[in-house]
Protein backbone atom coordinates (compact mmCIF):
# COMPACT_ATOMS: atom_id res chain seq x y z
CA UNK A 1 -21.03 -2.01 10.29
CA UNK A 2 -20.66 -4.83 12.52
CA UNK A 3 -17.20 -5.46 13.45
CA UNK A 4 -15.40 -8.39 15.54
CA UNK A 5 -12.19 -8.62 17.08
CA UNK A 6 -10.52 -11.49 18.09
CA UNK A 7 -9.87 -14.07 18.88
CA UNK A 8 -6.93 -12.45 21.54
CA UNK A 9 -6.60 -9.16 22.99
CA UNK A 10 -3.20 -8.52 22.12
CA UNK A 11 -1.19 -5.49 23.90
CA UNK A 12 -4.66 -3.65 24.11
CA UNK A 13 -4.38 -3.05 20.13
CA UNK A 14 -8.19 -4.78 19.09
CA UNK A 15 -9.78 -3.29 22.47
CA UNK A 16 -8.36 0.48 21.68
CA UNK A 17 -9.46 0.56 18.29
CA UNK A 18 -13.18 -1.42 19.04
CA UNK A 19 -13.81 1.61 21.50
CA UNK A 20 -12.26 4.20 18.73
CA UNK A 21 -15.23 2.29 16.13
CA UNK A 22 -17.95 2.63 18.38
CA UNK A 23 -17.34 6.00 18.77
CA UNK A 24 -17.40 5.68 14.86
CA UNK A 25 -21.03 4.74 15.05
CA UNK A 26 -19.92 0.99 14.68
CA UNK A 27 -20.84 -1.72 16.39
CA UNK A 28 -17.54 -3.31 17.51
CA UNK A 29 -16.95 -6.07 19.82
CA UNK A 30 -14.01 -7.74 21.70
CA UNK A 31 -14.05 -11.82 22.31
CA UNK A 32 -12.06 -13.67 23.12
CA UNK A 33 -10.90 -17.41 24.06
CA UNK A 34 -9.48 -16.66 26.71
CA UNK A 35 -7.56 -13.72 29.13
CA UNK A 36 -4.75 -13.52 30.10
CA UNK A 37 -2.65 -12.65 33.65
CA UNK A 38 -2.06 -8.75 32.21
CA UNK A 39 -5.87 -8.21 32.51
CA UNK A 40 -6.55 -6.87 29.02
CA UNK A 41 -10.49 -6.38 28.52
CA UNK A 42 -12.56 -7.97 26.53
CA UNK A 43 -16.65 -7.81 25.38
CA UNK A 44 -16.62 -11.38 26.56
CA UNK A 45 -14.46 -14.10 27.30
CA UNK A 46 -15.43 -17.84 26.33
CA UNK A 47 -13.25 -19.81 28.71
CA UNK A 48 -10.17 -19.84 30.56
CA UNK A 49 -6.56 -20.13 29.08
CA UNK A 50 -5.35 -23.80 28.98
CA UNK A 51 -8.61 -25.54 30.58
CA UNK A 52 -9.57 -28.31 28.11
CA UNK A 53 -12.59 -29.29 28.66
CA UNK A 54 -16.36 -30.04 26.97
CA UNK A 55 -18.00 -26.73 28.00
CA UNK A 56 -15.11 -24.73 27.18
CA UNK A 57 -15.10 -26.05 23.31
CA UNK A 58 -18.67 -25.82 22.82
CA UNK A 59 -18.25 -22.67 24.19
CA UNK A 60 -15.73 -21.58 21.82
CA UNK A 61 -17.18 -23.63 18.91
CA UNK A 62 -20.34 -22.29 19.28
CA UNK A 63 -18.94 -18.53 19.17
CA UNK A 64 -16.81 -19.27 16.38
CA UNK A 65 -19.22 -20.85 13.87
CA UNK A 66 -22.59 -18.38 14.27
CA UNK A 67 -20.10 -15.09 14.67
CA UNK A 68 -19.56 -15.09 10.60
CA UNK A 69 -23.48 -15.07 10.58
CA UNK A 70 -23.59 -11.78 13.25
CA UNK A 71 -20.84 -9.78 11.91
CA UNK A 72 -20.05 -8.00 8.55
CA UNK A 73 -16.05 -7.54 9.04
CA UNK A 74 -13.59 -10.01 11.50
CA UNK A 75 -10.46 -8.26 12.55
CA UNK A 76 -8.23 -11.21 13.55
CA UNK A 77 -5.27 -11.08 15.91
CA UNK A 78 -1.89 -13.50 16.67
CA UNK A 79 -1.93 -15.27 13.86
CA UNK A 80 -5.76 -16.78 15.23
CA UNK A 81 -8.79 -18.01 14.04
CA UNK A 82 -11.33 -18.44 16.62
CA UNK A 83 -10.61 -22.18 16.27
CA UNK A 84 -7.45 -22.59 16.27
CA UNK A 85 -6.74 -22.82 19.92
CA UNK A 86 -3.26 -22.86 21.01
CA UNK A 87 -3.49 -23.21 24.51
CA UNK A 88 -5.09 -26.48 23.73
CA UNK A 89 -2.59 -27.91 21.37
CA UNK A 90 -4.42 -27.14 18.47
CA UNK A 91 -2.36 -25.70 15.51
CA UNK A 92 -1.72 -25.67 11.96
CA UNK A 93 0.95 -27.53 9.66
CA UNK A 94 0.63 -30.87 11.36
CA UNK A 95 -1.69 -32.56 8.60
CA UNK A 96 -5.12 -31.46 6.33
CA UNK A 97 -7.35 -32.25 8.48
CA UNK A 98 -6.56 -30.52 11.22
CA UNK A 99 -5.86 -27.48 8.88
CA UNK A 100 -8.97 -27.73 8.06
CA UNK A 101 -11.16 -28.26 11.72
CA UNK A 102 -8.56 -25.37 12.89
CA UNK A 103 -9.83 -22.89 9.93
CA UNK A 104 -13.63 -23.69 9.97
CA UNK A 105 -14.53 -20.72 10.96
CA UNK A 106 -12.63 -18.39 8.49
CA UNK A 107 -13.29 -20.54 5.68
CA UNK A 108 -17.10 -20.13 6.85
CA UNK A 109 -16.89 -16.31 7.15
CA UNK A 110 -15.11 -16.37 3.67
CA UNK A 111 -17.83 -18.45 2.03
CA UNK A 112 -20.39 -16.04 3.31
CA UNK A 113 -18.96 -12.89 1.94
CA UNK A 114 -17.79 -11.46 5.25
CA UNK A 115 -14.50 -9.23 5.05
CA UNK A 116 -11.29 -10.94 7.07
CA UNK A 117 -8.64 -9.26 8.26
CA UNK A 118 -5.40 -9.69 10.51
CA UNK A 119 -2.56 -7.89 12.95
CA UNK A 120 0.24 -9.50 12.88
CA UNK A 121 1.97 -8.47 16.19
CA UNK A 122 5.69 -9.71 16.00
CA UNK A 123 6.08 -13.49 17.10
CA UNK A 124 2.89 -15.10 15.77
CA UNK A 125 5.08 -14.70 12.29
CA UNK A 126 8.70 -13.76 13.31
CA UNK A 127 10.90 -17.11 12.22
CA UNK A 128 13.80 -17.51 14.81
CA UNK A 129 15.83 -19.37 12.09
CA UNK A 130 14.97 -16.42 9.93
CA UNK A 131 15.59 -13.83 11.94
CA UNK A 132 18.80 -14.92 13.28
CA UNK A 133 19.91 -15.82 9.69
CA UNK A 134 19.38 -12.12 8.27
CA UNK A 135 19.46 -9.99 11.34
CA UNK A 136 22.87 -8.87 12.76
CA UNK A 137 21.18 -8.08 15.81
CA UNK A 138 17.97 -10.26 17.08
CA UNK A 139 16.64 -11.93 20.24
CA UNK A 140 16.23 -14.78 17.89
CA UNK A 141 19.41 -16.55 19.14
CA UNK A 142 20.41 -19.27 21.69
CA UNK A 143 21.74 -16.64 24.37
CA UNK A 144 18.64 -14.32 23.85
CA UNK A 145 14.85 -15.56 23.96
CA UNK A 146 14.68 -18.20 25.96
CA UNK A 147 11.95 -19.91 23.30
CA UNK A 148 14.85 -19.98 20.50
CA UNK A 149 15.33 -23.51 20.78
CA UNK A 150 11.55 -24.36 20.63
CA UNK A 151 11.01 -21.88 17.78
CA UNK A 152 13.65 -23.46 15.30
CA UNK A 153 12.66 -27.36 16.22
CA UNK A 154 8.87 -26.44 15.60
CA UNK A 155 7.23 -23.06 16.44
CA UNK A 156 8.64 -21.48 13.06
CA UNK A 157 7.36 -24.58 10.92
CA UNK A 158 3.43 -23.68 12.35
CA UNK A 159 4.25 -19.71 12.36
CA UNK A 160 5.17 -20.94 7.67
CA UNK A 161 2.19 -22.99 8.18
CA UNK A 162 0.08 -19.96 9.21
CA UNK A 163 1.17 -17.56 6.38
CA UNK A 164 0.73 -19.81 4.14
CA UNK A 165 -2.64 -21.60 5.20
CA UNK A 166 -4.60 -18.85 7.03
CA UNK A 167 -2.97 -15.68 5.99
CA UNK A 168 -4.51 -16.31 2.42
CA UNK A 169 -8.22 -16.40 3.65
CA UNK A 170 -7.93 -12.48 4.96
CA UNK A 171 -8.72 -9.29 2.36
CA UNK A 172 -5.85 -7.99 4.06
CA UNK A 173 -3.10 -8.42 6.31
CA UNK A 174 -1.52 -5.48 8.97
CA UNK A 175 2.08 -6.20 11.01
CA UNK A 176 2.92 -3.44 13.54
CA UNK A 177 6.59 -4.51 13.60
CA UNK A 178 8.08 -3.74 10.60
CA UNK A 179 10.11 -6.85 10.72
CA UNK A 180 7.75 -8.66 9.62
CA UNK A 181 7.64 -6.64 5.88
CA UNK A 182 10.05 -9.56 4.97
CA UNK A 183 7.72 -12.36 5.93
CA UNK A 184 4.29 -11.53 4.95
CA UNK A 185 3.76 -11.61 1.35
CA UNK A 186 1.87 -7.99 0.62
CA UNK A 187 1.40 -7.20 4.11
CA UNK A 188 0.97 -3.79 5.21
CA UNK A 189 2.36 -2.04 8.41
CA UNK A 190 0.02 -0.24 10.81
CA UNK A 191 1.86 1.71 13.89
CA UNK A 192 -0.07 0.75 17.67
CA UNK A 193 -3.25 1.53 18.50
CA UNK A 194 -3.75 0.31 21.75
CA UNK A 195 -3.84 3.55 23.99
CA UNK A 196 -6.41 5.93 24.05
CA UNK A 197 -3.90 9.06 23.51
CA UNK A 198 -6.03 12.02 23.44
CA UNK A 199 -7.65 10.39 26.77
CA UNK A 200 -4.55 9.75 28.45
CA UNK A 201 -3.31 12.44 31.15
CA UNK A 202 0.52 13.41 30.86
CA UNK A 203 3.25 13.07 33.67
CA UNK A 204 5.50 14.98 32.33
CA UNK A 205 9.72 14.31 33.39
CA UNK A 206 10.24 15.76 36.69
CA UNK A 207 12.89 18.53 35.82
CA UNK A 208 16.29 19.12 38.53
CA UNK A 209 15.60 15.49 40.31
CA UNK A 210 17.76 11.97 40.20
CA UNK A 211 16.11 10.58 37.15
CA UNK A 212 13.37 7.50 37.48
CA UNK A 213 14.07 5.06 34.51
CA UNK A 214 11.35 2.59 33.91
CA UNK A 215 12.00 -0.74 32.24
CA UNK A 216 8.99 -3.26 31.76
CA UNK A 217 9.82 -6.90 30.60
CA UNK A 218 7.31 -8.91 29.63
CA UNK A 219 9.72 -11.19 28.25
CA UNK A 220 13.39 -11.07 29.58
CA UNK A 221 14.71 -12.36 27.07
CA UNK A 222 13.11 -10.76 23.93
CA UNK A 223 13.59 -7.43 25.78
CA UNK A 224 17.19 -7.57 26.49
CA UNK A 225 16.81 -6.98 30.14
CA UNK A 226 19.95 -8.82 31.04
CA UNK A 227 21.98 -6.53 28.42
CA UNK A 228 19.73 -3.40 30.42
CA UNK A 229 20.28 -3.98 33.53
CA UNK A 230 24.24 -4.82 33.31
CA UNK A 231 24.94 -1.43 31.40
CA UNK A 232 22.66 0.13 34.02
CA UNK A 233 24.56 -1.44 36.56
CA UNK A 234 27.92 0.00 35.27
CA UNK A 235 27.03 3.67 34.99
CA UNK A 236 26.13 3.71 38.57
CA UNK A 237 29.93 4.82 39.64
CA UNK A 238 29.35 7.91 36.96
CA UNK A 239 25.60 8.60 37.10
CA UNK A 240 23.03 9.53 40.03
CA UNK A 241 19.70 7.80 38.60
CA UNK A 242 16.89 5.30 39.56
CA UNK A 243 15.98 2.18 38.14
CA UNK A 244 11.77 0.83 38.16
CA UNK A 245 11.89 -2.77 37.33
CA UNK A 246 8.36 -3.35 36.52
CA UNK A 247 7.86 -7.58 36.36
CA UNK A 248 4.95 -9.71 36.33
CA UNK A 249 2.31 -7.08 37.24
CA UNK A 250 -1.01 -6.53 35.77
CA UNK A 251 -1.32 -4.00 33.04
CA UNK A 252 -3.51 -1.26 35.22
CA UNK A 253 -1.52 -1.75 37.91
CA UNK A 254 1.54 -0.97 35.47
CA UNK A 255 0.30 1.96 34.05
CA UNK A 256 0.04 3.74 37.59
CA UNK A 257 3.71 2.83 38.04
CA UNK A 258 5.09 4.15 35.08
CA UNK A 259 3.53 7.40 36.16
CA UNK A 260 6.19 8.50 38.15
CA UNK A 261 9.03 7.41 35.75
CA UNK A 262 10.82 9.92 33.88
CA UNK A 263 12.02 7.66 31.17
CA UNK A 264 12.08 5.03 29.39
CA UNK A 265 14.05 1.80 28.64
CA UNK A 266 12.14 -0.43 25.90
CA UNK A 267 13.47 -2.94 23.91
CA UNK A 268 17.17 -3.31 22.44
CA UNK A 269 17.29 -6.78 20.29
CA UNK A 270 13.76 -6.62 18.64
CA UNK A 271 14.33 -3.82 16.34
CA UNK A 272 11.24 -1.87 16.83
CA UNK A 273 9.55 -0.38 19.63
CA UNK A 274 6.59 -1.83 21.70
CA UNK A 275 3.04 -1.08 23.00
CA UNK A 276 4.53 -0.51 26.55
CA UNK A 277 6.32 2.48 24.71
CA UNK A 278 3.46 3.80 23.07
CA UNK A 279 2.21 3.73 26.74
CA UNK A 280 4.76 6.03 28.26
CA UNK A 281 5.15 8.08 25.19
CA UNK A 282 1.27 9.06 25.61
CA UNK A 283 2.30 10.17 28.79
CA UNK A 284 4.41 12.47 27.48
CA UNK A 285 7.67 10.59 28.41
CA UNK A 286 10.98 10.06 25.95
CA UNK A 287 11.73 6.51 25.51
CA UNK A 288 15.05 4.23 24.37
CA UNK A 289 14.94 1.58 22.29
CA UNK A 290 17.10 -0.08 19.18
CA UNK A 291 15.79 0.73 15.98
CA UNK A 292 16.84 -1.14 12.85
CA UNK A 293 18.07 0.82 10.08
CA UNK A 294 16.79 -2.49 7.97
CA UNK A 295 13.32 -2.30 8.12
CA UNK A 296 12.65 1.63 7.44
CA UNK A 297 11.40 0.92 4.10
CA UNK A 298 7.94 -0.71 5.51
CA UNK A 299 7.51 2.42 7.67
CA UNK A 300 5.57 5.90 6.02
CA UNK A 301 9.07 7.90 5.37
CA UNK A 302 7.29 10.70 7.53
CA UNK A 303 6.95 8.54 10.37
CA UNK A 304 10.20 7.54 10.53
CA UNK A 305 11.73 11.01 9.75
CA UNK A 306 9.57 12.22 13.12
CA UNK A 307 10.58 9.32 15.05
CA UNK A 308 10.97 10.55 18.79
CA UNK A 309 13.00 7.04 19.76
CA UNK A 310 16.14 7.81 21.57
CA UNK A 311 18.38 5.57 19.71
CA UNK A 312 20.34 2.44 21.61
CA UNK A 313 22.14 -0.08 20.11
CA UNK A 314 22.90 -3.34 22.05
CA UNK A 315 26.84 -3.43 20.80
CA UNK A 316 27.25 0.46 22.23
CA UNK A 317 24.80 0.54 25.34
CA UNK A 318 26.88 2.16 28.14
CA UNK A 319 27.72 4.86 25.67
CA UNK A 320 24.07 5.70 24.34
CA UNK A 321 22.42 5.73 27.69
CA UNK A 322 25.35 7.74 29.16
CA UNK A 323 25.01 9.98 26.32
CA UNK A 324 21.33 10.39 27.52
CA UNK A 325 21.67 10.44 31.54
CA UNK A 326 24.43 13.61 30.94
CA UNK A 327 21.57 15.92 29.57
CA UNK A 328 18.60 15.20 31.90
CA UNK A 329 17.66 18.20 31.41
CA UNK A 330 16.60 17.22 27.93
CA UNK A 331 13.54 14.89 29.07
CA UNK A 332 11.52 17.00 29.12
CA UNK A 333 11.14 18.54 25.88
CA UNK A 334 11.88 14.95 24.56
CA UNK A 335 8.86 14.16 26.41
CA UNK A 336 6.72 16.71 24.66
CA UNK A 337 7.87 15.41 21.31
CA UNK A 338 7.22 12.26 22.28
CA UNK A 339 3.73 12.92 23.32
CA UNK A 340 3.28 14.80 20.33
CA UNK A 341 4.30 11.91 17.73
CA UNK A 342 1.82 9.21 19.35
CA UNK A 343 -1.25 11.79 19.02
CA UNK A 344 -0.02 11.74 15.39
CA UNK A 345 1.07 8.30 14.86
CA UNK A 346 -0.43 5.80 17.20
CA UNK A 347 -3.92 7.58 17.74
CA UNK A 348 -7.06 4.77 17.62
CA UNK A 349 -9.18 7.66 16.39
CA UNK A 350 -7.02 8.24 13.55
CA UNK A 351 -6.69 4.47 12.82
CA UNK A 352 -10.36 3.70 13.43
CA UNK A 353 -10.95 5.98 10.46
CA UNK A 354 -8.51 4.41 8.01
CA UNK A 355 -9.61 1.04 9.17
CA UNK A 356 -13.15 1.92 8.16
CA UNK A 357 -12.17 2.46 4.75
CA UNK A 358 -10.27 -0.81 4.51
CA UNK A 359 -13.36 -2.67 5.81
CA UNK A 360 -15.64 -1.10 3.30
CA UNK A 361 -12.99 -1.40 0.49
CA UNK A 362 -10.31 -4.22 1.44
CA UNK A 363 -8.62 -2.47 -1.44
CA UNK A 364 -8.60 0.99 -0.89
CA UNK A 365 -4.86 2.25 0.82
CA UNK A 366 -3.99 2.10 4.42
CA UNK A 367 -3.55 5.97 4.84
CA UNK A 368 -3.49 7.63 8.26
CA UNK A 369 -1.82 10.66 7.36
CA UNK A 370 -5.13 11.44 5.64
CA UNK A 371 -6.97 11.70 8.93
CA UNK A 372 -4.28 13.44 10.44
CA UNK A 373 -3.88 16.09 8.21
CA UNK A 374 -8.09 16.21 8.90
CA UNK A 375 -7.36 16.44 12.76
CA UNK A 376 -4.92 19.18 12.29
CA UNK A 377 -7.19 21.15 10.40
């Protein structure tokens, strides 16, 4: 099969899956409209972020309208088609004419009979007003995510337009955060597959030393960083530990810094863990995060039962972190459990096999456990 992933590489999921698909013998490429400061790789980058010019528009348009003739499968990400240029101010929901223009590539691909798929990450489809109204704990609140007001006064509308106008063109829609199961009609949960877990070296926690805790917020308001830092500050008098705070650091450099940690604190408001957690678990390190019980029905039951995440709750954060810090000897065992978990549930090699069946037949079940059993055998 000829498979295209794009137009953004969010969290490195497209790249990891694309490389796994190549290992299966498919032609699989990642092409992005623009790169970001995180430095995630792509086979081709069409232009620079936010630098609107005739040349950039021509490059993006030419690729978008020729790709359906060159690929059998187009896998989109973050609620974008190749002509939905958020950095140039092109969004859905303002007028029918603008919507048609933004969806020209996806509409053409559909007419040509190409298979179309979308993977949603979280804030591409999450609506702040809905999350605030329905979740007791969420970053979607005035004193949480700094984009809350912007979301509730406009961005939420564009997300609803994306769900109403772009997603119906897809043969299948996947989401990485189980909260989106409440919002995305006929969507399917997909575990993160953003790390080559089989090729990732292990860096187990070091027994006997003061624990090194890593926290790496890409957005402090979303991750709940102020709550985490305040709780750790209060616990300093009772426990001896070192905090490694990583911010505004390119991905390759950040991955090197993660190696020295003994455990990680991920998100404490979102209700799920992110790609950062998978990276740390792949290294054999335990991860703590807030997991929303109300979203568990969207996950495979076995995955939920095996979930190794150390549970945090922002309402009892001091006590939850204290319980972890009081038993540092358990971090090694917890890290081993985390490594086993990602090899099973977050393995791009396994996910790529399941996706290949879906690419051939979009109505086929998405069942990575089938390939997990084969790997074990």
